Amino acid sequence: MNKKPRLRKWDSAEHLRTDEDICLYLEACFEEAGDDPAFIAKALGIASRAKGMTRLAKETGLGRESLYKALSGENNPSFGTILKVTRALGLRLGVNVAT
């Protein structure tokens, strides 16, 4: 009798343990996203869960449920929300010349 292996849904947030992990993850996501803002919002949501959504909610002044919804990849969060989240993650958005 063959037993089916137990599979678990992959959660990237479980593997983002340090600030550097989060930074490198988001850099890769920005590179991969192209012009897809939902991809970036979802990546920020994953990074936020890795850091602790309750903590980020307190630091941003936004409700935890509102953050989950805004960063689900299914909504279009305001740029103000993106700035608050990146700041609360200890990150800074920058601009580079496109090559």
PDB file of N, CA and C in Angstrom:
ATOM      1  N   MET A   1       0.840  -1.182   0.000  1.00  0.00           N
ATOM      2  CA  MET A   1       0.000   0.000   0.000  1.00  0.00           C
ATOM      3  C   MET A   1       0.890   1.253   0.000  1.00  0.00           C
ATOM      4  N   ASN A   2       0.714   2.092  -1.003  1.00  0.00           N
ATOM      5  CA  ASN A   2       1.491   3.315  -1.107  1.00  0.00           C
ATOM      6  C   ASN A   2       0.790   4.448  -0.368  1.00  0.00           C
ATOM      7  N   LYS A   3       1.532   5.088   0.491  1.00  0.00           N
ATOM      8  CA  LYS A   3       0.983   6.263   1.179  1.00  0.00           C
ATOM      9  C   LYS A   3       1.321   7.504   0.369  1.00  0.00           C
ATOM     10  N   LYS A   4       0.357   8.371   0.247  1.00  0.00           N
ATOM     11  CA  LYS A   4       0.598   9.636  -0.426  1.00  0.00           C
ATOM     12  C   LYS A   4       1.412  10.525   0.509  1.00  0.00           C
ATOM     13  N   PRO A   5       2.391  11.225  -0.054  1.00  0.00           N
ATOM     14  CA  PRO A   5       3.158  12.135   0.808  1.00  0.00           C
ATOM     15  C   PRO A   5       2.286  13.313   1.242  1.00  0.00           C
ATOM     16  N   ARG A   6       2.515  13.756   2.454  1.00  0.00           N
ATOM     17  CA  ARG A   6       1.793  14.938   2.930  1.00  0.00           C
ATOM     18  C   ARG A   6       2.486  16.177   2.400  1.00  0.00           C
ATOM     19  N   LEU A   7       1.730  16.987   1.760  1.00  0.00           N
ATOM     20  CA  LEU A   7       2.268  18.216   1.196  1.00  0.00           C
ATOM     21  C   LEU A   7       1.708  19.404   1.957  1.00  0.00           C
ATOM     22  N   ARG A   8       2.536  20.397   2.071  1.00  0.00           N
ATOM     23  CA  ARG A   8       2.143  21.621   2.738  1.00  0.00           C
ATOM     24  C   ARG A   8       2.250  22.766   1.749  1.00  0.00           C
ATOM     25  N   LYS A   9       1.349  23.712   1.838  1.00  0.00           N
ATOM     26  CA  LYS A   9       1.400  24.882   0.966  1.00  0.00           C
ATOM     27  C   LYS A   9       2.670  25.682   1.282  1.00  0.00           C
ATOM     28  N   TRP A  10       3.403  26.054   0.245  1.00  0.00           N
ATOM     29  CA  TRP A  10       4.629  26.830   0.402  1.00  0.00           C
ATOM     30  C   TRP A  10       4.293  28.225   0.894  1.00  0.00           C
ATOM     31  N   ASP A  11       5.022  28.685   1.889  1.00  0.00           N
ATOM     32  CA  ASP A  11       4.838  30.042   2.411  1.00  0.00           C
ATOM     33  C   ASP A  11       6.198  30.710   2.480  1.00  0.00           C
ATOM     34  N   SER A  12       6.443  31.609   1.552  1.00  0.00           N
ATOM     35  CA  SER A  12       7.734  32.299   1.486  1.00  0.00           C
ATOM     36  C   SER A  12       8.055  33.036   2.774  1.00  0.00           C
ATOM     37  N   ALA A  13       7.046  33.524   3.469  1.00  0.00           N
ATOM     38  CA  ALA A  13       7.263  34.289   4.696  1.00  0.00           C
ATOM     39  C   ALA A  13       8.019  33.476   5.746  1.00  0.00           C
ATOM     40  N   GLU A  14       7.833  32.163   5.738  1.00  0.00           N
ATOM     41  CA  GLU A  14       8.509  31.305   6.714  1.00  0.00           C
ATOM     42  C   GLU A  14      10.022  31.275   6.499  1.00  0.00           C
ATOM     43  N   HIS A  15      10.471  31.666   5.330  1.00  0.00           N
ATOM     44  CA  HIS A  15      11.886  31.580   4.987  1.00  0.00           C
ATOM     45  C   HIS A  15      12.585  32.940   5.010  1.00  0.00           C
ATOM     46  N   LEU A  16      11.856  33.974   5.346  1.00  0.00           N
ATOM     47  CA  LEU A  16      12.425  35.324   5.441  1.00  0.00           C
ATOM     48  C   LEU A  16      12.696  35.606   6.919  1.00  0.00           C
ATOM     49  N   ARG A  17      13.871  35.254   7.370  1.00  0.00           N
ATOM     50  CA  ARG A  17      14.169  35.301   8.805  1.00  0.00           C
ATOM     51  C   ARG A  17      14.902  36.562   9.245  1.00  0.00           C
ATOM     52  N   THR A  18      15.618  37.207   8.337  1.00  0.00           N
ATOM     53  CA  THR A  18      16.402  38.382   8.707  1.00  0.00           C
ATOM     54  C   THR A  18      15.984  39.571   7.843  1.00  0.00           C
ATOM     55  N   ASP A  19      16.390  40.755   8.265  1.00  0.00           N
ATOM     56  CA  ASP A  19      16.122  41.957   7.467  1.00  0.00           C
ATOM     57  C   ASP A  19      16.785  41.841   6.099  1.00  0.00           C
ATOM     58  N   GLU A  20      17.971  41.239   6.055  1.00  0.00           N
ATOM     59  CA  GLU A  20      18.659  41.062   4.777  1.00  0.00           C
ATOM     60  C   GLU A  20      17.877  40.102   3.872  1.00  0.00           C
ATOM     61  N   ASP A  21      17.336  39.022   4.452  1.00  0.00           N
ATOM     62  CA  ASP A  21      16.503  38.100   3.668  1.00  0.00           C
ATOM     63  C   ASP A  21      15.337  38.851   3.029  1.00  0.00           C
ATOM     64  N   ILE A  22      14.677  39.676   3.829  1.00  0.00           N
ATOM     65  CA  ILE A  22      13.518  40.433   3.348  1.00  0.00           C
ATOM     66  C   ILE A  22      13.932  41.395   2.242  1.00  0.00           C
ATOM     67  N   CYS A  23      15.033  42.076   2.443  1.00  0.00           N
ATOM     68  CA  CYS A  23      15.516  43.039   1.450  1.00  0.00           C
ATOM     69  C   CYS A  23      15.846  42.340   0.129  1.00  0.00           C
ATOM     70  N   LEU A  24      16.578  41.246   0.202  1.00  0.00           N
ATOM     71  CA  LEU A  24      16.949  40.518  -1.015  1.00  0.00           C
ATOM     72  C   LEU A  24      15.714  39.947  -1.715  1.00  0.00           C
ATOM     73  N   TYR A  25      14.768  39.451  -0.936  1.00  0.00           N
ATOM     74  CA  TYR A  25      13.520  38.927  -1.493  1.00  0.00           C
ATOM     75  C   TYR A  25      12.774  40.023  -2.259  1.00  0.00           C
ATOM     76  N   LEU A  26      12.639  41.193  -1.630  1.00  0.00           N
ATOM     77  CA  LEU A  26      11.910  42.285  -2.282  1.00  0.00           C
ATOM     78  C   LEU A  26      12.657  42.805  -3.504  1.00  0.00           C
ATOM     79  N   GLU A  27      13.979  42.852  -3.447  1.00  0.00           N
ATOM     80  CA  GLU A  27      14.759  43.249  -4.626  1.00  0.00           C
ATOM     81  C   GLU A  27      14.458  42.308  -5.794  1.00  0.00           C
ATOM     82  N   ALA A  28      14.453  41.007  -5.517  1.00  0.00           N
ATOM     83  CA  ALA A  28      14.155  40.030  -6.568  1.00  0.00           C
ATOM     84  C   ALA A  28      12.734  40.199  -7.087  1.00  0.00           C
ATOM     85  N   CYS A  29      11.800  40.469  -6.192  1.00  0.00           N
ATOM     86  CA  CYS A  29      10.407  40.656  -6.595  1.00  0.00           C
ATOM     87  C   CYS A  29      10.240  41.895  -7.464  1.00  0.00           C
ATOM     88  N   PHE A  30      10.902  43.003  -7.112  1.00  0.00           N
ATOM     89  CA  PHE A  30      10.827  44.212  -7.925  1.00  0.00           C
ATOM     90  C   PHE A  30      11.398  43.939  -9.315  1.00  0.00           C
ATOM     91  N   GLU A  31      12.468  43.167  -9.374  1.00  0.00           N
ATOM     92  CA  GLU A  31      13.089  42.816 -10.655  1.00  0.00           C
ATOM     93  C   GLU A  31      12.133  41.976 -11.495  1.00  0.00           C
ATOM     94  N   GLU A  32      11.471  41.039 -10.873  1.00  0.00           N
ATOM     95  CA  GLU A  32      10.595  40.092 -11.560  1.00  0.00           C
ATOM     96  C   GLU A  32       9.241  40.705 -11.942  1.00  0.00           C
ATOM     97  N   ALA A  33       8.766  41.664 -11.162  1.00  0.00           N
ATOM     98  CA  ALA A  33       7.399  42.172 -11.298  1.00  0.00           C
ATOM     99  C   ALA A  33       7.131  42.917 -12.593  1.00  0.00           C
ATOM    100  N   GLY A  34       8.133  43.545 -13.146  1.00  0.00           N
ATOM    101  CA  GLY A  34       7.881  44.368 -14.328  1.00  0.00           C
ATOM    102  C   GLY A  34       6.922  45.487 -13.981  1.00  0.00           C
ATOM    103  N   ASP A  35       5.797  45.548 -14.677  1.00  0.00           N
ATOM    104  CA  ASP A  35       4.802  46.594 -14.448  1.00  0.00           C
ATOM    105  C   ASP A  35       3.592  46.084 -13.678  1.00  0.00           C
ATOM    106  N   ASP A  36       3.764  45.041 -12.883  1.00  0.00           N
ATOM    107  CA  ASP A  36       2.651  44.417 -12.167  1.00  0.00           C
ATOM    108  C   ASP A  36       2.607  44.874 -10.708  1.00  0.00           C
ATOM    109  N   PRO A  37       1.791  45.899 -10.401  1.00  0.00           N
ATOM    110  CA  PRO A  37       1.745  46.402  -9.025  1.00  0.00           C
ATOM    111  C   PRO A  37       1.185  45.374  -8.038  1.00  0.00           C
ATOM    112  N   ALA A  38       0.317  44.483  -8.494  1.00  0.00           N
ATOM    113  CA  ALA A  38      -0.237  43.460  -7.598  1.00  0.00           C
ATOM    114  C   ALA A  38       0.858  42.513  -7.118  1.00  0.00           C
ATOM    115  N   PHE A  39       1.818  42.232  -7.986  1.00  0.00           N
ATOM    116  CA  PHE A  39       2.943  41.371  -7.627  1.00  0.00           C
ATOM    117  C   PHE A  39       3.742  42.012  -6.490  1.00  0.00           C
ATOM    118  N   ILE A  40       3.988  43.309  -6.602  1.00  0.00           N
ATOM    119  CA  ILE A  40       4.739  44.037  -5.571  1.00  0.00           C
ATOM    120  C   ILE A  40       3.937  44.096  -4.273  1.00  0.00           C
ATOM    121  N   ALA A  41       2.650  44.378  -4.368  1.00  0.00           N
ATOM    122  CA  ALA A  41       1.808  44.439  -3.169  1.00  0.00           C
ATOM    123  C   ALA A  41       1.826  43.098  -2.444  1.00  0.00           C
ATOM    124  N   LYS A  42       1.707  42.011  -3.187  1.00  0.00           N
ATOM    125  CA  LYS A  42       1.729  40.674  -2.587  1.00  0.00           C
ATOM    126  C   LYS A  42       3.084  40.394  -1.944  1.00  0.00           C
ATOM    127  N   ALA A  43       4.172  40.767  -2.613  1.00  0.00           N
ATOM    128  CA  ALA A  43       5.519  40.568  -2.060  1.00  0.00           C
ATOM    129  C   ALA A  43       5.684  41.351  -0.759  1.00  0.00           C
ATOM    130  N   LEU A  44       5.165  42.568  -0.718  1.00  0.00           N
ATOM    131  CA  LEU A  44       5.218  43.358   0.516  1.00  0.00           C
ATOM    132  C   LEU A  44       4.377  42.706   1.612  1.00  0.00           C
ATOM    133  N   GLY A  45       3.264  42.094   1.217  1.00  0.00           N
ATOM    134  CA  GLY A  45       2.435  41.372   2.178  1.00  0.00           C
ATOM    135  C   GLY A  45       3.178  40.186   2.772  1.00  0.00           C
ATOM    136  N   ILE A  46       3.906  39.456   1.940  1.00  0.00           N
ATOM    137  CA  ILE A  46       4.690  38.317   2.413  1.00  0.00           C
ATOM    138  C   ILE A  46       5.784  38.791   3.355  1.00  0.00           C
ATOM    139  N   ALA A  47       6.485  39.851   2.976  1.00  0.00           N
ATOM    140  CA  ALA A  47       7.532  40.402   3.836  1.00  0.00           C
ATOM    141  C   ALA A  47       6.941  40.906   5.157  1.00  0.00           C
ATOM    142  N   SER A  48       5.763  41.490   5.095  1.00  0.00           N
ATOM    143  CA  SER A  48       5.102  41.997   6.306  1.00  0.00           C
ATOM    144  C   SER A  48       4.717  40.857   7.240  1.00  0.00           C
ATOM    145  N   ARG A  49       4.227  39.765   6.675  1.00  0.00           N
ATOM    146  CA  ARG A  49       3.902  38.607   7.516  1.00  0.00           C
ATOM    147  C   ARG A  49       5.153  38.026   8.155  1.00  0.00           C
ATOM    148  N   ALA A  50       6.263  38.036   7.412  1.00  0.00           N
ATOM    149  CA  ALA A  50       7.523  37.526   7.956  1.00  0.00           C
ATOM    150  C   ALA A  50       7.989  38.380   9.138  1.00  0.00           C
ATOM    151  N   LYS A  51       7.776  39.664   9.048  1.00  0.00           N
ATOM    152  CA  LYS A  51       8.203  40.599  10.095  1.00  0.00           C
ATOM    153  C   LYS A  51       7.222  40.612  11.264  1.00  0.00           C
ATOM    154  N   GLY A  52       5.961  40.343  10.967  1.00  0.00           N
ATOM    155  CA  GLY A  52       4.918  40.362  11.988  1.00  0.00           C
ATOM    156  C   GLY A  52       3.882  41.418  11.662  1.00  0.00           C
ATOM    157  N   MET A  53       2.738  40.980  11.167  1.00  0.00           N
ATOM    158  CA  MET A  53       1.708  41.907  10.698  1.00  0.00           C
ATOM    159  C   MET A  53       1.177  42.779  11.830  1.00  0.00           C
ATOM    160  N   THR A  54       1.050  42.226  13.025  1.00  0.00           N
ATOM    161  CA  THR A  54       0.552  43.023  14.152  1.00  0.00           C
ATOM    162  C   THR A  54       1.512  44.161  14.458  1.00  0.00           C
ATOM    163  N   ARG A  55       2.796  43.849  14.455  1.00  0.00           N
ATOM    164  CA  ARG A  55       3.814  44.872  14.709  1.00  0.00           C
ATOM    165  C   ARG A  55       3.779  45.954  13.639  1.00  0.00           C
ATOM    166  N   LEU A  56       3.679  45.536  12.369  1.00  0.00           N
ATOM    167  CA  LEU A  56       3.638  46.510  11.289  1.00  0.00           C
ATOM    168  C   LEU A  56       2.383  47.368  11.357  1.00  0.00           C
ATOM    169  N   ALA A  57       1.278  46.765  11.748  1.00  0.00           N
ATOM    170  CA  ALA A  57       0.041  47.537  11.885  1.00  0.00           C
ATOM    171  C   ALA A  57       0.239  48.661  12.906  1.00  0.00           C
ATOM    172  N   LYS A  58       0.861  48.340  14.021  1.00  0.00           N
ATOM    173  CA  LYS A  58       1.118  49.365  15.044  1.00  0.00           C
ATOM    174  C   LYS A  58       2.045  50.446  14.516  1.00  0.00           C
ATOM    175  N   GLU A  59       3.106  50.033  13.830  1.00  0.00           N
ATOM    176  CA  GLU A  59       4.095  50.998  13.337  1.00  0.00           C
ATOM    177  C   GLU A  59       3.569  51.880  12.211  1.00  0.00           C
ATOM    178  N   THR A  60       2.655  51.350  11.404  1.00  0.00           N
ATOM    179  CA  THR A  60       2.118  52.138  10.291  1.00  0.00           C
ATOM    180  C   THR A  60       0.884  52.934  10.680  1.00  0.00           C
ATOM    181  N   GLY A  61       0.260  52.542  11.783  1.00  0.00           N
ATOM    182  CA  GLY A  61      -0.986  53.193  12.176  1.00  0.00           C
ATOM    183  C   GLY A  61      -2.181  52.687  11.383  1.00  0.00           C
ATOM    184  N   LEU A  62      -2.004  51.596  10.653  1.00  0.00           N
ATOM    185  CA  LEU A  62      -3.073  51.015   9.859  1.00  0.00           C
ATOM    186  C   LEU A  62      -3.577  49.749  10.548  1.00  0.00           C
ATOM    187  N   GLY A  63      -4.816  49.405  10.331  1.00  0.00           N
ATOM    188  CA  GLY A  63      -5.378  48.201  10.924  1.00  0.00           C
ATOM    189  C   GLY A  63      -4.754  46.945  10.322  1.00  0.00           C
ATOM    190  N   ARG A  64      -4.600  45.923  11.144  1.00  0.00           N
ATOM    191  CA  ARG A  64      -4.011  44.672  10.695  1.00  0.00           C
ATOM    192  C   ARG A  64      -4.798  44.067   9.535  1.00  0.00           C
ATOM    193  N   GLU A  65      -6.111  44.019   9.680  1.00  0.00           N
ATOM    194  CA  GLU A  65      -6.946  43.471   8.605  1.00  0.00           C
ATOM    195  C   GLU A  65      -6.846  44.320   7.336  1.00  0.00           C
ATOM    196  N   SER A  66      -6.753  45.629   7.506  1.00  0.00           N
ATOM    197  CA  SER A  66      -6.595  46.514   6.344  1.00  0.00           C
ATOM    198  C   SER A  66      -5.284  46.226   5.623  1.00  0.00           C
ATOM    199  N   LEU A  67      -4.225  45.966   6.398  1.00  0.00           N
ATOM    200  CA  LEU A  67      -2.937  45.638   5.790  1.00  0.00           C
ATOM    201  C   LEU A  67      -3.006  44.317   5.035  1.00  0.00           C
ATOM    202  N   TYR A  68      -3.603  43.310   5.657  1.00  0.00           N
ATOM    203  CA  TYR A  68      -3.755  42.023   4.974  1.00  0.00           C
ATOM    204  C   TYR A  68      -4.470  42.210   3.640  1.00  0.00           C
ATOM    205  N   LYS A  69      -5.542  42.982   3.663  1.00  0.00           N
ATOM    206  CA  LYS A  69      -6.338  43.200   2.454  1.00  0.00           C
ATOM    207  C   LYS A  69      -5.554  43.999   1.411  1.00  0.00           C
ATOM    208  N   ALA A  70      -4.902  45.082   1.856  1.00  0.00           N
ATOM    209  CA  ALA A  70      -4.160  45.939   0.927  1.00  0.00           C
ATOM    210  C   ALA A  70      -2.984  45.209   0.291  1.00  0.00           C
ATOM    211  N   LEU A  71      -2.368  44.299   1.049  1.00  0.00           N
ATOM    212  CA  LEU A  71      -1.155  43.636   0.570  1.00  0.00           C
ATOM    213  C   LEU A  71      -1.406  42.197   0.122  1.00  0.00           C
ATOM    214  N   SER A  72      -2.633  41.902  -0.225  1.00  0.00           N
ATOM    215  CA  SER A  72      -2.990  40.545  -0.648  1.00  0.00           C
ATOM    216  C   SER A  72      -2.617  40.269  -2.105  1.00  0.00           C
ATOM    217  N   GLY A  73      -2.404  41.328  -2.877  1.00  0.00           N
ATOM    218  CA  GLY A  73      -2.171  41.162  -4.304  1.00  0.00           C
ATOM    219  C   GLY A  73      -3.459  41.222  -5.094  1.00  0.00           C
ATOM    220  N   GLU A  74      -4.582  41.339  -4.392  1.00  0.00           N
ATOM    221  CA  GLU A  74      -5.883  41.417  -5.053  1.00  0.00           C
ATOM    222  C   GLU A  74      -6.440  42.836  -5.049  1.00  0.00           C
ATOM    223  N   ASN A  75      -5.778  43.725  -4.342  1.00  0.00           N
ATOM    224  CA  ASN A  75      -6.218  45.111  -4.254  1.00  0.00           C
ATOM    225  C   ASN A  75      -5.098  46.029  -4.714  1.00  0.00           C
ATOM    226  N   ASN A  76      -5.410  47.292  -4.808  1.00  0.00           N
ATOM    227  CA  ASN A  76      -4.441  48.279  -5.239  1.00  0.00           C
ATOM    228  C   ASN A  76      -4.183  49.252  -4.087  1.00  0.00           C
ATOM    229  N   PRO A  77      -3.197  48.948  -3.228  1.00  0.00           N
ATOM    230  CA  PRO A  77      -2.964  49.832  -2.079  1.00  0.00           C
ATOM    231  C   PRO A  77      -2.477  51.204  -2.527  1.00  0.00           C
ATOM    232  N   SER A  78      -2.750  52.195  -1.722  1.00  0.00           N
ATOM    233  CA  SER A  78      -2.279  53.540  -2.052  1.00  0.00           C
ATOM    234  C   SER A  78      -0.764  53.594  -1.918  1.00  0.00           C
ATOM    235  N   PHE A  79      -0.167  54.564  -2.587  1.00  0.00           N
ATOM    236  CA  PHE A  79       1.281  54.718  -2.496  1.00  0.00           C
ATOM    237  C   PHE A  79       1.673  55.079  -1.067  1.00  0.00           C
ATOM    238  N   GLY A  80       0.807  55.803  -0.384  1.00  0.00           N
ATOM    239  CA  GLY A  80       1.059  56.127   1.016  1.00  0.00           C
ATOM    240  C   GLY A  80       1.176  54.869   1.875  1.00  0.00           C
ATOM    241  N   THR A  81       0.313  53.896   1.614  1.00  0.00           N
ATOM    242  CA  THR A  81       0.377  52.623   2.343  1.00  0.00           C
ATOM    243  C   THR A  81       1.693  51.912   2.040  1.00  0.00           C
ATOM    244  N   ILE A  82       2.089  51.898   0.773  1.00  0.00           N
ATOM    245  CA  ILE A  82       3.353  51.264   0.382  1.00  0.00           C
ATOM    246  C   ILE A  82       4.513  51.932   1.115  1.00  0.00           C
ATOM    247  N   LEU A  83       4.527  53.240   1.153  1.00  0.00           N
ATOM    248  CA  LEU A  83       5.609  53.954   1.843  1.00  0.00           C
ATOM    249  C   LEU A  83       5.627  53.644   3.331  1.00  0.00           C
ATOM    250  N   LYS A  84       4.460  53.616   3.959  1.00  0.00           N
ATOM    251  CA  LYS A  84       4.396  53.301   5.389  1.00  0.00           C
ATOM    252  C   LYS A  84       4.903  51.890   5.670  1.00  0.00           C
ATOM    253  N   VAL A  85       4.514  50.945   4.828  1.00  0.00           N
ATOM    254  CA  VAL A  85       4.920  49.552   5.024  1.00  0.00           C
ATOM    255  C   VAL A  85       6.427  49.399   4.834  1.00  0.00           C
ATOM    256  N   THR A  86       6.961  49.976   3.756  1.00  0.00           N
ATOM    257  CA  THR A  86       8.401  49.836   3.528  1.00  0.00           C
ATOM    258  C   THR A  86       9.188  50.478   4.666  1.00  0.00           C
ATOM    259  N   ARG A  87       8.732  51.609   5.153  1.00  0.00           N
ATOM    260  CA  ARG A  87       9.399  52.264   6.286  1.00  0.00           C
ATOM    261  C   ARG A  87       9.332  51.394   7.536  1.00  0.00           C
ATOM    262  N   ALA A  88       8.162  50.799   7.797  1.00  0.00           N
ATOM    263  CA  ALA A  88       7.991  49.931   8.959  1.00  0.00           C
ATOM    264  C   ALA A  88       8.828  48.655   8.835  1.00  0.00           C
ATOM    265  N   LEU A  89       9.094  48.230   7.609  1.00  0.00           N
ATOM    266  CA  LEU A  89       9.956  47.071   7.390  1.00  0.00           C
ATOM    267  C   LEU A  89      11.432  47.428   7.550  1.00  0.00           C
ATOM    268  N   GLY A  90      11.705  48.728   7.734  1.00  0.00           N
ATOM    269  CA  GLY A  90      13.087  49.167   7.869  1.00  0.00           C
ATOM    270  C   GLY A  90      13.783  49.315   6.532  1.00  0.00           C
ATOM    271  N   LEU A  91      12.988  49.539   5.484  1.00  0.00           N
ATOM    272  CA  LEU A  91      13.523  49.658   4.126  1.00  0.00           C
ATOM    273  C   LEU A  91      13.282  51.058   3.584  1.00  0.00           C
ATOM    274  N   ARG A  92      14.008  51.373   2.546  1.00  0.00           N
ATOM    275  CA  ARG A  92      13.876  52.659   1.887  1.00  0.00           C
ATOM    276  C   ARG A  92      13.747  52.403   0.393  1.00  0.00           C
ATOM    277  N   LEU A  93      12.757  52.991  -0.242  1.00  0.00           N
ATOM    278  CA  LEU A  93      12.624  52.872  -1.683  1.00  0.00           C
ATOM    279  C   LEU A  93      13.634  53.808  -2.336  1.00  0.00           C
ATOM    280  N   GLY A  94      14.191  53.382  -3.450  1.00  0.00           N
ATOM    281  CA  GLY A  94      15.183  54.202  -4.149  1.00  0.00           C
ATOM    282  C   GLY A  94      14.897  54.230  -5.627  1.00  0.00           C
ATOM    283  N   VAL A  95      15.649  55.049  -6.314  1.00  0.00           N
ATOM    284  CA  VAL A  95      15.501  55.200  -7.759  1.00  0.00           C
ATOM    285  C   VAL A  95      16.864  54.988  -8.391  1.00  0.00           C
ATOM    286  N   ASN A  96      16.878  54.220  -9.474  1.00  0.00           N
ATOM    287  CA  ASN A  96      18.091  53.975 -10.229  1.00  0.00           C
ATOM    288  C   ASN A  96      17.819  54.247 -11.696  1.00  0.00           C
ATOM    289  N   VAL A  97      18.854  54.531 -12.439  1.00  0.00           N
ATOM    290  CA  VAL A  97      18.717  54.709 -13.872  1.00  0.00           C
ATOM    291  C   VAL A  97      18.465  53.345 -14.497  1.00  0.00           C
ATOM    292  N   ALA A  98      17.428  53.279 -15.329  1.00  0.00           N
ATOM    293  CA  ALA A  98      17.102  52.029 -16.021  1.00  0.00           C
ATOM    294  C   ALA A  98      18.174  51.735 -17.065  1.00  0.00           C
ATOM    295  N   THR A  99      18.539  50.495 -17.151  1.00  0.00           N
ATOM    296  CA  THR A  99      19.566  50.131 -18.149  1.00  0.00           C
ATOM    297  C   THR A  99      18.967  49.244 -19.202  1.00  0.00           C
TER     298      THR A  99
END
